[in-house]
Amino acid sequence: METTAAAIDETRSALPSAGRTVWLTGLPSAGKTTLAHAFADRLREEGVPVEVLDGDVLREALGRGLGFSREDREENVRRIGFVAELLSRNGVTTVCAVISPYRSTRDELRARHEGRFVEVWVATPSAVCAERDVKGLYAKQRAGEISHLTGVDDPYEAPEAAELVLHTQDRSVEECVEALWLTLNS
């Protein structure tokens, strides 16, 4: 397929002109990281500057010394949100895969982003997440090895006004990526 200058210009004009933060929130093993990387690949294919911020990775880098109390979880999310806001303000679409269990903290991030925040609830039921159990957290919680697992014995406050709700148990990764693309461009 031949790429013409006109086709490239047409594609670029359809892309968001400013950076945004696409905030994927949901339970552990809901599919946030998988979707974040797949969506970032799609954005790169379309020529969009993009960065993925994974909550687990950034907890290690930015959250040293933080535990799993409500206050520490909120601080971890705020730190990730701060980095995302800096990137989006500078033209990078930032795709964040973060449990972020508290609605008030996500609302705080939305306000900080001044219109560049797209909340996506990866609304996978806890039974499906426990079955996937990518990191073995649900098994460890059942065995009594860990406590305060979000959505099991620690709260998860579902979004009330997410721009997109994805039920990953009913959709393929490709279908979810397409829904993310359409939401970002609406």
C-alpha atoms as a PDB file:
ATOM      1  CA  MET A   1       0.000   0.000   0.000  1.00  0.00           C
ATOM      2  CA  GLU A   2       1.448   3.323  -1.055  1.00  0.00           C
ATOM      3  CA  THR A   3       1.460   6.108   1.523  1.00  0.00           C
ATOM      4  CA  THR A   4       0.907   9.568   0.117  1.00  0.00           C
ATOM      5  CA  ALA A   5       1.532  12.920   1.743  1.00  0.00           C
ATOM      6  CA  ALA A   6      -2.203  13.617   1.571  1.00  0.00           C
ATOM      7  CA  ALA A   7      -3.023  10.367   3.376  1.00  0.00           C
ATOM      8  CA  ILE A   8      -0.467  11.152   6.082  1.00  0.00           C
ATOM      9  CA  ASP A   9      -1.877  14.669   6.517  1.00  0.00           C
ATOM     10  CA  GLU A  10      -5.407  13.276   6.693  1.00  0.00           C
ATOM     11  CA  THR A  11      -4.386  10.775   9.400  1.00  0.00           C
ATOM     12  CA  ARG A  12      -2.570  13.444  11.394  1.00  0.00           C
ATOM     13  CA  SER A  13      -5.561  15.800  11.239  1.00  0.00           C
ATOM     14  CA  ALA A  14      -7.737  13.044  12.742  1.00  0.00           C
ATOM     15  CA  LEU A  15      -5.396  12.610  15.711  1.00  0.00           C
ATOM     16  CA  PRO A  16      -5.712  14.480  18.975  1.00  0.00           C
ATOM     17  CA  SER A  17      -3.501  17.571  18.765  1.00  0.00           C
ATOM     18  CA  ALA A  18      -2.616  17.747  22.444  1.00  0.00           C
ATOM     19  CA  GLY A  19      -1.496  15.123  24.881  1.00  0.00           C
ATOM     20  CA  ARG A  20      -4.059  13.383  27.020  1.00  0.00           C
ATOM     21  CA  THR A  21      -4.007  11.021  29.942  1.00  0.00           C
ATOM     22  CA  VAL A  22      -5.955   7.811  29.439  1.00  0.00           C
ATOM     23  CA  TRP A  23      -6.397   6.456  32.971  1.00  0.00           C
ATOM     24  CA  LEU A  24      -7.209   2.729  33.084  1.00  0.00           C
ATOM     25  CA  THR A  25      -8.572   1.837  36.514  1.00  0.00           C
ATOM     26  CA  GLY A  26      -9.862  -1.483  37.779  1.00  0.00           C
ATOM     27  CA  LEU A  27      -9.185  -4.478  39.981  1.00  0.00           C
ATOM     28  CA  PRO A  28      -5.923  -6.446  40.004  1.00  0.00           C
ATOM     29  CA  SER A  29      -5.794  -8.756  36.934  1.00  0.00           C
ATOM     30  CA  ALA A  30      -8.595  -6.834  35.205  1.00  0.00           C
ATOM     31  CA  GLY A  31      -6.467  -6.383  32.073  1.00  0.00           C
ATOM     32  CA  LYS A  32      -5.278  -2.792  32.543  1.00  0.00           C
ATOM     33  CA  THR A  33      -1.623  -3.367  31.649  1.00  0.00           C
ATOM     34  CA  THR A  34      -2.422  -5.588  28.668  1.00  0.00           C
ATOM     35  CA  LEU A  35      -4.802  -2.971  27.286  1.00  0.00           C
ATOM     36  CA  ALA A  36      -2.412  -0.097  28.027  1.00  0.00           C
ATOM     37  CA  HIS A  37       0.382  -1.669  25.980  1.00  0.00           C
ATOM     38  CA  ALA A  38      -1.916  -2.743  23.138  1.00  0.00           C
ATOM     39  CA  PHE A  39      -3.465   0.735  22.961  1.00  0.00           C
ATOM     40  CA  ALA A  40      -0.027   2.387  23.069  1.00  0.00           C
ATOM     41  CA  ASP A  41       0.995   0.215  20.102  1.00  0.00           C
ATOM     42  CA  ARG A  42      -2.071   1.446  18.176  1.00  0.00           C
ATOM     43  CA  LEU A  43      -1.292   5.067  19.034  1.00  0.00           C
ATOM     44  CA  ARG A  44       2.323   4.639  17.879  1.00  0.00           C
ATOM     45  CA  GLU A  45       1.092   3.146  14.588  1.00  0.00           C
ATOM     46  CA  GLU A  46      -0.998   6.293  14.136  1.00  0.00           C
ATOM     47  CA  GLY A  47       1.967   8.559  14.855  1.00  0.00           C
ATOM     48  CA  VAL A  48       0.835   9.686  18.298  1.00  0.00           C
ATOM     49  CA  PRO A  49       3.568  10.323  20.882  1.00  0.00           C
ATOM     50  CA  VAL A  50       2.700   7.958  23.730  1.00  0.00           C
ATOM     51  CA  GLU A  51       4.049   6.679  27.024  1.00  0.00           C
ATOM     52  CA  VAL A  52       2.700   3.866  29.217  1.00  0.00           C
ATOM     53  CA  LEU A  53       2.812   4.360  32.985  1.00  0.00           C
ATOM     54  CA  ASP A  54       2.270   1.040  34.744  1.00  0.00           C
ATOM     55  CA  GLY A  55       1.214   1.278  38.384  1.00  0.00           C
ATOM     56  CA  ASP A  56       3.259  -1.739  39.479  1.00  0.00           C
ATOM     57  CA  VAL A  57       6.441  -0.468  37.825  1.00  0.00           C
ATOM     58  CA  LEU A  58       6.030   3.088  39.098  1.00  0.00           C
ATOM     59  CA  ARG A  59       5.254   1.934  42.638  1.00  0.00           C
ATOM     60  CA  GLU A  60       8.789   0.537  42.693  1.00  0.00           C
ATOM     61  CA  ALA A  61      10.343   3.667  41.152  1.00  0.00           C
ATOM     62  CA  LEU A  62       8.294   6.474  42.715  1.00  0.00           C
ATOM     63  CA  GLY A  63       6.605   4.829  45.672  1.00  0.00           C
ATOM     64  CA  ARG A  64       9.480   3.495  47.722  1.00  0.00           C
ATOM     65  CA  GLY A  65       8.601   3.662  51.370  1.00  0.00           C
ATOM     66  CA  LEU A  66       4.864   3.626  50.669  1.00  0.00           C
ATOM     67  CA  GLY A  67       2.759   0.817  52.044  1.00  0.00           C
ATOM     68  CA  PHE A  68      -0.811  -0.156  51.301  1.00  0.00           C
ATOM     69  CA  SER A  69      -2.748   2.048  53.710  1.00  0.00           C
ATOM     70  CA  ARG A  70      -5.372   4.289  52.132  1.00  0.00           C
ATOM     71  CA  GLU A  71      -3.073   7.307  52.530  1.00  0.00           C
ATOM     72  CA  ASP A  72      -0.114   5.530  50.925  1.00  0.00           C
ATOM     73  CA  ARG A  73      -2.204   4.224  48.031  1.00  0.00           C
ATOM     74  CA  GLU A  74      -3.573   7.720  47.414  1.00  0.00           C
ATOM     75  CA  GLU A  75      -0.065   9.200  47.484  1.00  0.00           C
ATOM     76  CA  ASN A  76       1.194   6.605  45.019  1.00  0.00           C
ATOM     77  CA  VAL A  77      -1.664   7.406  42.632  1.00  0.00           C
ATOM     78  CA  ARG A  78      -1.048  11.158  43.004  1.00  0.00           C
ATOM     79  CA  ARG A  79       2.633  10.698  42.112  1.00  0.00           C
ATOM     80  CA  ILE A  80       1.760   8.715  39.003  1.00  0.00           C
ATOM     81  CA  GLY A  81      -0.891  11.288  38.123  1.00  0.00           C
ATOM     82  CA  PHE A  82       1.653  14.086  38.477  1.00  0.00           C
ATOM     83  CA  VAL A  83       3.987  12.420  35.966  1.00  0.00           C
ATOM     84  CA  ALA A  84       1.064  11.750  33.610  1.00  0.00           C
ATOM     85  CA  GLU A  85      -0.043  15.381  33.808  1.00  0.00           C
ATOM     86  CA  LEU A  86       3.471  16.626  32.981  1.00  0.00           C
ATOM     87  CA  LEU A  87       3.671  14.355  29.954  1.00  0.00           C
ATOM     88  CA  SER A  88       0.173  15.149  28.679  1.00  0.00           C
ATOM     89  CA  ARG A  89       0.723  18.882  29.135  1.00  0.00           C
ATOM     90  CA  ASN A  90       3.722  18.508  26.841  1.00  0.00           C
ATOM     91  CA  GLY A  91       1.905  16.728  24.018  1.00  0.00           C
ATOM     92  CA  VAL A  92       2.388  13.088  25.020  1.00  0.00           C
ATOM     93  CA  THR A  93      -0.628  10.822  25.281  1.00  0.00           C
ATOM     94  CA  THR A  94      -0.059   8.970  28.518  1.00  0.00           C
ATOM     95  CA  VAL A  95      -1.755   5.635  29.073  1.00  0.00           C
ATOM     96  CA  CYS A  96      -1.827   4.781  32.779  1.00  0.00           C
ATOM     97  CA  ALA A  97      -2.608   1.297  34.083  1.00  0.00           C
ATOM     98  CA  VAL A  98      -3.211   1.866  37.782  1.00  0.00           C
ATOM     99  CA  ILE A  99      -5.653   0.179  40.175  1.00  0.00           C
ATOM    100  CA  SER A 100      -6.337   3.594  41.799  1.00  0.00           C
ATOM    101  CA  PRO A 101      -9.057   2.317  44.131  1.00  0.00           C
ATOM    102  CA  TYR A 102     -10.400   5.643  45.444  1.00  0.00           C
ATOM    103  CA  ARG A 103     -12.785   7.761  43.410  1.00  0.00           C
ATOM    104  CA  SER A 104     -11.813  10.992  45.185  1.00  0.00           C
ATOM    105  CA  THR A 105      -8.161  10.603  44.151  1.00  0.00           C
ATOM    106  CA  ARG A 106      -9.101   9.925  40.522  1.00  0.00           C
ATOM    107  CA  ASP A 107     -11.388  12.989  40.612  1.00  0.00           C
ATOM    108  CA  GLU A 108      -8.474  15.037  41.962  1.00  0.00           C
ATOM    109  CA  LEU A 109      -6.336  13.888  39.025  1.00  0.00           C
ATOM    110  CA  ARG A 110      -9.098  14.721  36.553  1.00  0.00           C
ATOM    111  CA  ALA A 111      -9.235  18.286  37.884  1.00  0.00           C
ATOM    112  CA  ARG A 112      -5.453  18.653  37.720  1.00  0.00           C
ATOM    113  CA  HIS A 113      -5.422  17.614  34.057  1.00  0.00           C
ATOM    114  CA  GLU A 114      -7.710  20.494  32.978  1.00  0.00           C
ATOM    115  CA  GLY A 115      -9.706  18.603  30.344  1.00  0.00           C
ATOM    116  CA  ARG A 116      -6.973  16.192  29.235  1.00  0.00           C
ATOM    117  CA  PHE A 117      -8.106  13.250  31.430  1.00  0.00           C
ATOM    118  CA  VAL A 118      -9.981  10.255  30.022  1.00  0.00           C
ATOM    119  CA  GLU A 119     -11.089   7.797  32.706  1.00  0.00           C
ATOM    120  CA  VAL A 120     -11.555   4.214  31.559  1.00  0.00           C
ATOM    121  CA  TRP A 121     -13.014   1.681  33.935  1.00  0.00           C
ATOM    122  CA  VAL A 122     -11.735  -1.797  33.138  1.00  0.00           C
ATOM    123  CA  ALA A 123     -14.810  -3.343  34.724  1.00  0.00           C
ATOM    124  CA  THR A 124     -13.791  -6.967  34.913  1.00  0.00           C
ATOM    125  CA  PRO A 125     -15.704  -8.822  37.660  1.00  0.00           C
ATOM    126  CA  SER A 126     -13.645  -9.929  40.657  1.00  0.00           C
ATOM    127  CA  ALA A 127     -14.397 -13.610  39.961  1.00  0.00           C
ATOM    128  CA  VAL A 128     -12.865 -13.279  36.483  1.00  0.00           C
ATOM    129  CA  CYS A 129      -9.865 -11.382  37.909  1.00  0.00           C
ATOM    130  CA  ALA A 130      -9.362 -14.108  40.528  1.00  0.00           C
ATOM    131  CA  GLU A 131      -9.483 -16.734  37.785  1.00  0.00           C
ATOM    132  CA  ARG A 132      -6.870 -14.852  35.711  1.00  0.00           C
ATOM    133  CA  ASP A 133      -4.757 -14.078  38.816  1.00  0.00           C
ATOM    134  CA  VAL A 134      -1.809 -12.910  36.720  1.00  0.00           C
ATOM    135  CA  LYS A 135       0.438 -12.172  39.723  1.00  0.00           C
ATOM    136  CA  GLY A 136      -0.917 -14.812  42.091  1.00  0.00           C
ATOM    137  CA  LEU A 137      -2.381 -12.188  44.437  1.00  0.00           C
ATOM    138  CA  TYR A 138      -5.819 -13.763  44.776  1.00  0.00           C
ATOM    139  CA  ALA A 139      -4.286 -17.159  45.634  1.00  0.00           C
ATOM    140  CA  LYS A 140      -2.006 -15.509  48.220  1.00  0.00           C
ATOM    141  CA  GLN A 141      -4.972 -13.662  49.730  1.00  0.00           C
ATOM    142  CA  ARG A 142      -7.032 -16.877  49.949  1.00  0.00           C
ATOM    143  CA  ALA A 143      -4.058 -18.627  51.600  1.00  0.00           C
ATOM    144  CA  GLY A 144      -3.773 -15.837  54.166  1.00  0.00           C
ATOM    145  CA  GLU A 145      -0.342 -14.765  52.910  1.00  0.00           C
ATOM    146  CA  ILE A 146      -1.454 -11.222  52.065  1.00  0.00           C
ATOM    147  CA  SER A 147      -4.285  -8.965  53.109  1.00  0.00           C
ATOM    148  CA  HIS A 148      -5.739  -5.680  51.849  1.00  0.00           C
ATOM    149  CA  LEU A 149      -6.238  -6.956  48.311  1.00  0.00           C
ATOM    150  CA  THR A 150      -8.206  -4.337  46.420  1.00  0.00           C
ATOM    151  CA  GLY A 151     -11.700  -5.534  45.648  1.00  0.00           C
ATOM    152  CA  VAL A 152     -11.496  -8.466  48.074  1.00  0.00           C
ATOM    153  CA  ASP A 153     -10.721  -7.223  51.575  1.00  0.00           C
ATOM    154  CA  ASP A 154      -9.890  -3.623  50.682  1.00  0.00           C
ATOM    155  CA  PRO A 155     -12.286  -1.287  48.870  1.00  0.00           C
ATOM    156  CA  TYR A 156     -12.443  -0.418  45.191  1.00  0.00           C
ATOM    157  CA  GLU A 157     -14.704   2.536  44.375  1.00  0.00           C
ATOM    158  CA  ALA A 158     -15.961   2.155  40.830  1.00  0.00           C
ATOM    159  CA  PRO A 159     -16.031   5.284  38.673  1.00  0.00           C
ATOM    160  CA  GLU A 160     -19.357   7.067  38.435  1.00  0.00           C
ATOM    161  CA  ALA A 161     -18.689   8.967  35.209  1.00  0.00           C
ATOM    162  CA  ALA A 162     -15.960   7.184  33.277  1.00  0.00           C
ATOM    163  CA  GLU A 163     -15.705   8.148  29.627  1.00  0.00           C
ATOM    164  CA  LEU A 164     -15.514   4.453  28.785  1.00  0.00           C
ATOM    165  CA  VAL A 165     -16.375   1.203  30.566  1.00  0.00           C
ATOM    166  CA  LEU A 166     -14.696  -1.932  29.249  1.00  0.00           C
ATOM    167  CA  HIS A 167     -15.993  -5.385  30.184  1.00  0.00           C
ATOM    168  CA  THR A 168     -12.889  -7.347  29.209  1.00  0.00           C
ATOM    169  CA  GLN A 169     -14.493 -10.702  29.884  1.00  0.00           C
ATOM    170  CA  ASP A 170     -16.853 -10.065  26.935  1.00  0.00           C
ATOM    171  CA  ARG A 171     -14.461  -8.366  24.493  1.00  0.00           C
ATOM    172  CA  SER A 172     -11.168  -9.158  22.819  1.00  0.00           C
ATOM    173  CA  VAL A 173      -8.113  -6.981  23.362  1.00  0.00           C
ATOM    174  CA  GLU A 174      -8.536  -5.713  19.789  1.00  0.00           C
ATOM    175  CA  GLU A 175     -12.169  -4.716  20.426  1.00  0.00           C
ATOM    176  CA  CYS A 176     -11.145  -2.891  23.606  1.00  0.00           C
ATOM    177  CA  VAL A 177      -8.352  -1.047  21.784  1.00  0.00           C
ATOM    178  CA  GLU A 178     -10.813   0.053  19.099  1.00  0.00           C
ATOM    179  CA  ALA A 179     -13.213   1.326  21.785  1.00  0.00           C
ATOM    180  CA  LEU A 180     -10.329   3.242  23.399  1.00  0.00           C
ATOM    181  CA  TRP A 181      -9.370   4.737  20.014  1.00  0.00           C
ATOM    182  CA  LEU A 182     -12.947   5.838  19.290  1.00  0.00           C
ATOM    183  CA  THR A 183     -13.295   7.340  22.787  1.00  0.00           C
ATOM    184  CA  LEU A 184     -10.059   9.283  22.499  1.00  0.00           C
ATOM    185  CA  ASN A 185     -11.129  10.672  19.130  1.00  0.00           C
ATOM    186  CA  SER A 186     -14.738  11.539  19.976  1.00  0.00           C
END
